[in-house]
Amino acid sequence: MDPLPERGMGAVTAPNCAEPLARRRRHTWLLATLTELIGDCAQAAGEVYRPVAEARPTRTDVTVNLGLFAGL
């Protein structure tokens, strides 16, 4: 007697070959989008912190432009 039907688990079907390709394409798109987002965040952080990094060590006040974040 096969125990799978007793547990509500029907017969195993053959995998659809299109599913792995679609999944791979979707994952690739998600990774590309995430990479783009990380790049945009790094660029924005660089624009905010660059003046601080380039300031002389003895300087106590540095003007930064937060215009990028005004719409958040």
PDB file of N, CA and C in Angstrom:
ATOM      1  N   MET A   1       0.843  -1.190   0.000  1.00  0.00           N
ATOM      2  CA  MET A   1       0.000   0.000   0.000  1.00  0.00           C
ATOM      3  C   MET A   1       0.883   1.247   0.000  1.00  0.00           C
ATOM      4  N   ASP A   2       0.525   2.212  -0.837  1.00  0.00           N
ATOM      5  CA  ASP A   2       1.293   3.448  -0.970  1.00  0.00           C
ATOM      6  C   ASP A   2       0.862   4.432   0.115  1.00  0.00           C
ATOM      7  N   PRO A   3       1.770   4.913   0.982  1.00  0.00           N
ATOM      8  CA  PRO A   3       1.380   5.814   2.082  1.00  0.00           C
ATOM      9  C   PRO A   3       1.063   7.237   1.627  1.00  0.00           C
ATOM     10  N   LEU A   4       1.485   7.647   0.451  1.00  0.00           N
ATOM     11  CA  LEU A   4       1.254   9.031   0.026  1.00  0.00           C
ATOM     12  C   LEU A   4      -0.217   9.390  -0.119  1.00  0.00           C
ATOM     13  N   PRO A   5      -1.066   8.577  -0.764  1.00  0.00           N
ATOM     14  CA  PRO A   5      -2.480   8.947  -0.865  1.00  0.00           C
ATOM     15  C   PRO A   5      -3.155   9.069   0.495  1.00  0.00           C
ATOM     16  N   GLU A   6      -2.705   8.299   1.491  1.00  0.00           N
ATOM     17  CA  GLU A   6      -3.295   8.396   2.824  1.00  0.00           C
ATOM     18  C   GLU A   6      -3.040   9.749   3.457  1.00  0.00           C
ATOM     19  N   ARG A   7      -1.946  10.379   3.112  1.00  0.00           N
ATOM     20  CA  ARG A   7      -1.585  11.691   3.671  1.00  0.00           C
ATOM     21  C   ARG A   7      -2.132  12.835   2.828  1.00  0.00           C
ATOM     22  N   GLY A   8      -2.917  12.514   1.825  1.00  0.00           N
ATOM     23  CA  GLY A   8      -3.459  13.571   0.984  1.00  0.00           C
ATOM     24  C   GLY A   8      -2.484  14.026  -0.083  1.00  0.00           C
ATOM     25  N   MET A   9      -1.431  13.294  -0.291  1.00  0.00           N
ATOM     26  CA  MET A   9      -0.431  13.661  -1.283  1.00  0.00           C
ATOM     27  C   MET A   9      -0.644  12.777  -2.497  1.00  0.00           C
ATOM     28  N   GLY A  10      -1.130  13.337  -3.569  1.00  0.00           N
ATOM     29  CA  GLY A  10      -1.438  12.570  -4.768  1.00  0.00           C
ATOM     30  C   GLY A  10      -0.188  12.127  -5.493  1.00  0.00           C
ATOM     31  N   ALA A  11      -0.406  11.658  -6.675  1.00  0.00           N
ATOM     32  CA  ALA A  11       0.698  11.164  -7.499  1.00  0.00           C
ATOM     33  C   ALA A  11       1.633  12.311  -7.867  1.00  0.00           C
ATOM     34  N   VAL A  12       2.875  11.994  -8.011  1.00  0.00           N
ATOM     35  CA  VAL A  12       3.886  12.982  -8.384  1.00  0.00           C
ATOM     36  C   VAL A  12       3.865  13.129  -9.893  1.00  0.00           C
ATOM     37  N   THR A  13       3.778  14.366 -10.363  1.00  0.00           N
ATOM     38  CA  THR A  13       3.763  14.609 -11.802  1.00  0.00           C
ATOM     39  C   THR A  13       5.140  15.035 -12.269  1.00  0.00           C
ATOM     40  N   ALA A  14       5.383  14.885 -13.539  1.00  0.00           N
ATOM     41  CA  ALA A  14       6.661  15.297 -14.116  1.00  0.00           C
ATOM     42  C   ALA A  14       6.747  16.820 -14.082  1.00  0.00           C
ATOM     43  N   PRO A  15       7.923  17.362 -13.779  1.00  0.00           N
ATOM     44  CA  PRO A  15       8.062  18.818 -13.724  1.00  0.00           C
ATOM     45  C   PRO A  15       7.907  19.448 -15.104  1.00  0.00           C
ATOM     46  N   ASN A  16       7.354  20.622 -15.106  1.00  0.00           N
ATOM     47  CA  ASN A  16       7.193  21.377 -16.342  1.00  0.00           C
ATOM     48  C   ASN A  16       8.532  22.047 -16.664  1.00  0.00           C
ATOM     49  N   CYS A  17       9.056  21.820 -17.848  1.00  0.00           N
ATOM     50  CA  CYS A  17      10.367  22.377 -18.217  1.00  0.00           C
ATOM     51  C   CYS A  17      10.351  23.893 -18.311  1.00  0.00           C
ATOM     52  N   ALA A  18       9.178  24.487 -18.566  1.00  0.00           N
ATOM     53  CA  ALA A  18       9.102  25.941 -18.691  1.00  0.00           C
ATOM     54  C   ALA A  18       9.205  26.626 -17.335  1.00  0.00           C
ATOM     55  N   GLU A  19       8.781  25.943 -16.263  1.00  0.00           N
ATOM     56  CA  GLU A  19       8.809  26.565 -14.940  1.00  0.00           C
ATOM     57  C   GLU A  19      10.210  26.955 -14.487  1.00  0.00           C
ATOM     58  N   PRO A  20      11.206  26.068 -14.585  1.00  0.00           N
ATOM     59  CA  PRO A  20      12.539  26.486 -14.156  1.00  0.00           C
ATOM     60  C   PRO A  20      13.088  27.665 -14.979  1.00  0.00           C
ATOM     61  N   LEU A  21      12.779  27.689 -16.265  1.00  0.00           N
ATOM     62  CA  LEU A  21      13.247  28.807 -17.095  1.00  0.00           C
ATOM     63  C   LEU A  21      12.574  30.107 -16.689  1.00  0.00           C
ATOM     64  N   ALA A  22      11.282  30.049 -16.447  1.00  0.00           N
ATOM     65  CA  ALA A  22      10.557  31.249 -16.024  1.00  0.00           C
ATOM     66  C   ALA A  22      11.042  31.701 -14.654  1.00  0.00           C
ATOM     67  N   ARG A  23      11.271  30.747 -13.758  1.00  0.00           N
ATOM     68  CA  ARG A  23      11.771  31.084 -12.424  1.00  0.00           C
ATOM     69  C   ARG A  23      13.150  31.709 -12.513  1.00  0.00           C
ATOM     70  N   ARG A  24      14.014  31.154 -13.349  1.00  0.00           N
ATOM     71  CA  ARG A  24      15.362  31.691 -13.520  1.00  0.00           C
ATOM     72  C   ARG A  24      15.312  33.105 -14.100  1.00  0.00           C
ATOM     73  N   ARG A  25      14.424  33.317 -15.069  1.00  0.00           N
ATOM     74  CA  ARG A  25      14.274  34.643 -15.663  1.00  0.00           C
ATOM     75  C   ARG A  25      13.781  35.647 -14.626  1.00  0.00           C
ATOM     76  N   ARG A  26      12.803  35.221 -13.812  1.00  0.00           N
ATOM     77  CA  ARG A  26      12.269  36.100 -12.768  1.00  0.00           C
ATOM     78  C   ARG A  26      13.332  36.424 -11.733  1.00  0.00           C
ATOM     79  N   HIS A  27      14.105  35.414 -11.320  1.00  0.00           N
ATOM     80  CA  HIS A  27      15.172  35.651 -10.340  1.00  0.00           C
ATOM     81  C   HIS A  27      16.241  36.567 -10.916  1.00  0.00           C
ATOM     82  N   THR A  28      16.560  36.383 -12.183  1.00  0.00           N
ATOM     83  CA  THR A  28      17.549  37.255 -12.821  1.00  0.00           C
ATOM     84  C   THR A  28      17.062  38.692 -12.844  1.00  0.00           C
ATOM     85  N   TRP A  29      15.781  38.870 -13.170  1.00  0.00           N
ATOM     86  CA  TRP A  29      15.219  40.225 -13.191  1.00  0.00           C
ATOM     87  C   TRP A  29      15.248  40.835 -11.791  1.00  0.00           C
ATOM     88  N   LEU A  30      14.881  40.055 -10.768  1.00  0.00           N
ATOM     89  CA  LEU A  30      14.893  40.562  -9.396  1.00  0.00           C
ATOM     90  C   LEU A  30      16.306  40.933  -8.947  1.00  0.00           C
ATOM     91  N   LEU A  31      17.283  40.107  -9.291  1.00  0.00           N
ATOM     92  CA  LEU A  31      18.667  40.416  -8.925  1.00  0.00           C
ATOM     93  C   LEU A  31      19.158  41.676  -9.630  1.00  0.00           C
ATOM     94  N   ALA A  32      18.809  41.829 -10.896  1.00  0.00           N
ATOM     95  CA  ALA A  32      19.212  43.031 -11.636  1.00  0.00           C
ATOM     96  C   ALA A  32      18.581  44.275 -11.021  1.00  0.00           C
ATOM     97  N   THR A  33      17.309  44.185 -10.661  1.00  0.00           N
ATOM     98  CA  THR A  33      16.620  45.320 -10.044  1.00  0.00           C
ATOM     99  C   THR A  33      17.221  45.653  -8.683  1.00  0.00           C
ATOM    100  N   LEU A  34      17.522  44.639  -7.895  1.00  0.00           N
ATOM    101  CA  LEU A  34      18.139  44.853  -6.587  1.00  0.00           C
ATOM    102  C   LEU A  34      19.521  45.478  -6.731  1.00  0.00           C
ATOM    103  N   THR A  35      20.283  45.005  -7.698  1.00  0.00           N
ATOM    104  CA  THR A  35      21.614  45.564  -7.941  1.00  0.00           C
ATOM    105  C   THR A  35      21.520  47.038  -8.324  1.00  0.00           C
ATOM    106  N   GLU A  36      20.534  47.361  -9.156  1.00  0.00           N
ATOM    107  CA  GLU A  36      20.325  48.750  -9.555  1.00  0.00           C
ATOM    108  C   GLU A  36      19.955  49.616  -8.356  1.00  0.00           C
ATOM    109  N   LEU A  37      19.089  49.106  -7.501  1.00  0.00           N
ATOM    110  CA  LEU A  37      18.668  49.832  -6.301  1.00  0.00           C
ATOM    111  C   LEU A  37      19.847  50.072  -5.365  1.00  0.00           C
ATOM    112  N   ILE A  38      20.668  49.056  -5.166  1.00  0.00           N
ATOM    113  CA  ILE A  38      21.843  49.199  -4.307  1.00  0.00           C
ATOM    114  C   ILE A  38      22.796  50.237  -4.888  1.00  0.00           C
ATOM    115  N   GLY A  39      22.970  50.219  -6.206  1.00  0.00           N
ATOM    116  CA  GLY A  39      23.827  51.216  -6.859  1.00  0.00           C
ATOM    117  C   GLY A  39      23.305  52.631  -6.673  1.00  0.00           C
ATOM    118  N   ASP A  40      21.980  52.804  -6.813  1.00  0.00           N
ATOM    119  CA  ASP A  40      21.378  54.128  -6.616  1.00  0.00           C
ATOM    120  C   ASP A  40      21.543  54.592  -5.170  1.00  0.00           C
ATOM    121  N   CYS A  41      21.383  53.677  -4.209  1.00  0.00           N
ATOM    122  CA  CYS A  41      21.562  54.029  -2.798  1.00  0.00           C
ATOM    123  C   CYS A  41      23.015  54.418  -2.513  1.00  0.00           C
ATOM    124  N   ALA A  42      23.947  53.688  -3.091  1.00  0.00           N
ATOM    125  CA  ALA A  42      25.364  54.005  -2.894  1.00  0.00           C
ATOM    126  C   ALA A  42      25.703  55.365  -3.489  1.00  0.00           C
ATOM    127  N   GLN A  43      25.135  55.660  -4.648  1.00  0.00           N
ATOM    128  CA  GLN A  43      25.388  56.964  -5.275  1.00  0.00           C
ATOM    129  C   GLN A  43      24.816  58.094  -4.413  1.00  0.00           C
ATOM    130  N   ALA A  44      23.604  57.918  -3.898  1.00  0.00           N
ATOM    131  CA  ALA A  44      22.991  58.939  -3.050  1.00  0.00           C
ATOM    132  C   ALA A  44      23.792  59.132  -1.768  1.00  0.00           C
ATOM    133  N   ALA A  45      24.240  58.043  -1.169  1.00  0.00           N
ATOM    134  CA  ALA A  45      25.046  58.148   0.049  1.00  0.00           C
ATOM    135  C   ALA A  45      26.363  58.851  -0.242  1.00  0.00           C
ATOM    136  N   GLY A  46      26.955  58.560  -1.384  1.00  0.00           N
ATOM    137  CA  GLY A  46      28.199  59.221  -1.754  1.00  0.00           C
ATOM    138  C   GLY A  46      28.027  60.721  -1.915  1.00  0.00           C
ATOM    139  N   GLU A  47      26.898  61.125  -2.509  1.00  0.00           N
ATOM    140  CA  GLU A  47      26.652  62.560  -2.698  1.00  0.00           C
ATOM    141  C   GLU A  47      26.423  63.267  -1.365  1.00  0.00           C
ATOM    142  N   VAL A  48      25.840  62.578  -0.396  1.00  0.00           N
ATOM    143  CA  VAL A  48      25.611  63.186   0.919  1.00  0.00           C
ATOM    144  C   VAL A  48      26.904  63.218   1.733  1.00  0.00           C
ATOM    145  N   TYR A  49      27.647  62.125   1.753  1.00  0.00           N
ATOM    146  CA  TYR A  49      28.820  62.029   2.628  1.00  0.00           C
ATOM    147  C   TYR A  49      30.116  62.512   1.999  1.00  0.00           C
ATOM    148  N   ARG A  50      30.142  62.709   0.674  1.00  0.00           N
ATOM    149  CA  ARG A  50      31.370  63.170   0.018  1.00  0.00           C
ATOM    150  C   ARG A  50      31.899  64.486   0.620  1.00  0.00           C
ATOM    151  N   PRO A  51      31.032  65.497   0.834  1.00  0.00           N
ATOM    152  CA  PRO A  51      31.551  66.738   1.437  1.00  0.00           C
ATOM    153  C   PRO A  51      32.168  66.513   2.825  1.00  0.00           C
ATOM    154  N   VAL A  52      31.611  65.604   3.590  1.00  0.00           N
ATOM    155  CA  VAL A  52      32.151  65.308   4.919  1.00  0.00           C
ATOM    156  C   VAL A  52      33.520  64.646   4.775  1.00  0.00           C
ATOM    157  N   ALA A  53      33.634  63.718   3.853  1.00  0.00           N
ATOM    158  CA  ALA A  53      34.902  63.012   3.654  1.00  0.00           C
ATOM    159  C   ALA A  53      35.992  63.927   3.114  1.00  0.00           C
ATOM    160  N   GLU A  54      35.607  64.916   2.299  1.00  0.00           N
ATOM    161  CA  GLU A  54      36.598  65.811   1.694  1.00  0.00           C
ATOM    162  C   GLU A  54      36.937  67.012   2.571  1.00  0.00           C
ATOM    163  N   ALA A  55      36.211  67.212   3.655  1.00  0.00           N
ATOM    164  CA  ALA A  55      36.473  68.366   4.535  1.00  0.00           C
ATOM    165  C   ALA A  55      37.780  68.169   5.294  1.00  0.00           C
ATOM    166  N   ARG A  56      38.416  69.281   5.624  1.00  0.00           N
ATOM    167  CA  ARG A  56      39.641  69.202   6.433  1.00  0.00           C
ATOM    168  C   ARG A  56      39.313  68.650   7.813  1.00  0.00           C
ATOM    169  N   PRO A  57      40.210  67.912   8.398  1.00  0.00           N
ATOM    170  CA  PRO A  57      39.951  67.322   9.726  1.00  0.00           C
ATOM    171  C   PRO A  57      39.657  68.353  10.811  1.00  0.00           C
ATOM    172  N   THR A  58      40.163  69.571  10.662  1.00  0.00           N
ATOM    173  CA  THR A  58      39.952  70.588  11.698  1.00  0.00           C
ATOM    174  C   THR A  58      38.610  71.289  11.559  1.00  0.00           C
ATOM    175  N   ARG A  59      37.905  71.045  10.479  1.00  0.00           N
ATOM    176  CA  ARG A  59      36.628  71.718  10.244  1.00  0.00           C
ATOM    177  C   ARG A  59      35.524  71.049  11.061  1.00  0.00           C
ATOM    178  N   THR A  60      34.718  71.842  11.750  1.00  0.00           N
ATOM    179  CA  THR A  60      33.662  71.285  12.598  1.00  0.00           C
ATOM    180  C   THR A  60      32.280  71.396  11.964  1.00  0.00           C
ATOM    181  N   ASP A  61      32.143  72.193  10.905  1.00  0.00           N
ATOM    182  CA  ASP A  61      30.840  72.308  10.242  1.00  0.00           C
ATOM    183  C   ASP A  61      31.007  72.061   8.740  1.00  0.00           C
ATOM    184  N   VAL A  62      30.174  71.227   8.200  1.00  0.00           N
ATOM    185  CA  VAL A  62      30.219  70.890   6.788  1.00  0.00           C
ATOM    186  C   VAL A  62      28.797  70.969   6.250  1.00  0.00           C
ATOM    187  N   THR A  63      28.607  71.672   5.156  1.00  0.00           N
ATOM    188  CA  THR A  63      27.300  71.777   4.528  1.00  0.00           C
ATOM    189  C   THR A  63      27.110  70.611   3.571  1.00  0.00           C
ATOM    190  N   VAL A  64      26.006  69.908   3.734  1.00  0.00           N
ATOM    191  CA  VAL A  64      25.678  68.797   2.829  1.00  0.00           C
ATOM    192  C   VAL A  64      24.351  69.094   2.149  1.00  0.00           C
ATOM    193  N   ASN A  65      24.172  68.573   0.956  1.00  0.00           N
ATOM    194  CA  ASN A  65      22.952  68.776   0.200  1.00  0.00           C
ATOM    195  C   ASN A  65      22.064  67.549   0.368  1.00  0.00           C
ATOM    196  N   LEU A  66      20.926  67.733   1.022  1.00  0.00           N
ATOM    197  CA  LEU A  66      19.984  66.636   1.222  1.00  0.00           C
ATOM    198  C   LEU A  66      18.829  66.723   0.236  1.00  0.00           C
ATOM    199  N   GLY A  67      19.025  67.446  -0.854  1.00  0.00           N
ATOM    200  CA  GLY A  67      17.985  67.631  -1.855  1.00  0.00           C
ATOM    201  C   GLY A  67      17.470  66.330  -2.432  1.00  0.00           C
ATOM    202  N   LEU A  68      18.333  65.326  -2.491  1.00  0.00           N
ATOM    203  CA  LEU A  68      17.918  64.019  -3.020  1.00  0.00           C
ATOM    204  C   LEU A  68      16.838  63.380  -2.163  1.00  0.00           C
ATOM    205  N   PHE A  69      16.834  63.695  -0.888  1.00  0.00           N
ATOM    206  CA  PHE A  69      15.921  63.037   0.045  1.00  0.00           C
ATOM    207  C   PHE A  69      14.722  63.910   0.405  1.00  0.00           C
ATOM    208  N   ALA A  70      14.577  65.054  -0.250  1.00  0.00           N
ATOM    209  CA  ALA A  70      13.505  65.984   0.092  1.00  0.00           C
ATOM    210  C   ALA A  70      12.127  65.375  -0.177  1.00  0.00           C
ATOM    211  N   GLY A  71      12.023  64.527  -1.185  1.00  0.00           N
ATOM    212  CA  GLY A  71      10.727  63.942  -1.525  1.00  0.00           C
ATOM    213  C   GLY A  71      10.371  62.698  -0.749  1.00  0.00           C
ATOM    214  N   LEU A  72      11.214  62.248   0.152  1.00  0.00           N
ATOM    215  CA  LEU A  72      10.927  61.005   0.883  1.00  0.00           C
ATOM    216  C   LEU A  72      10.001  61.231   2.045  1.00  0.00           C
TER     217      LEU A  72
END
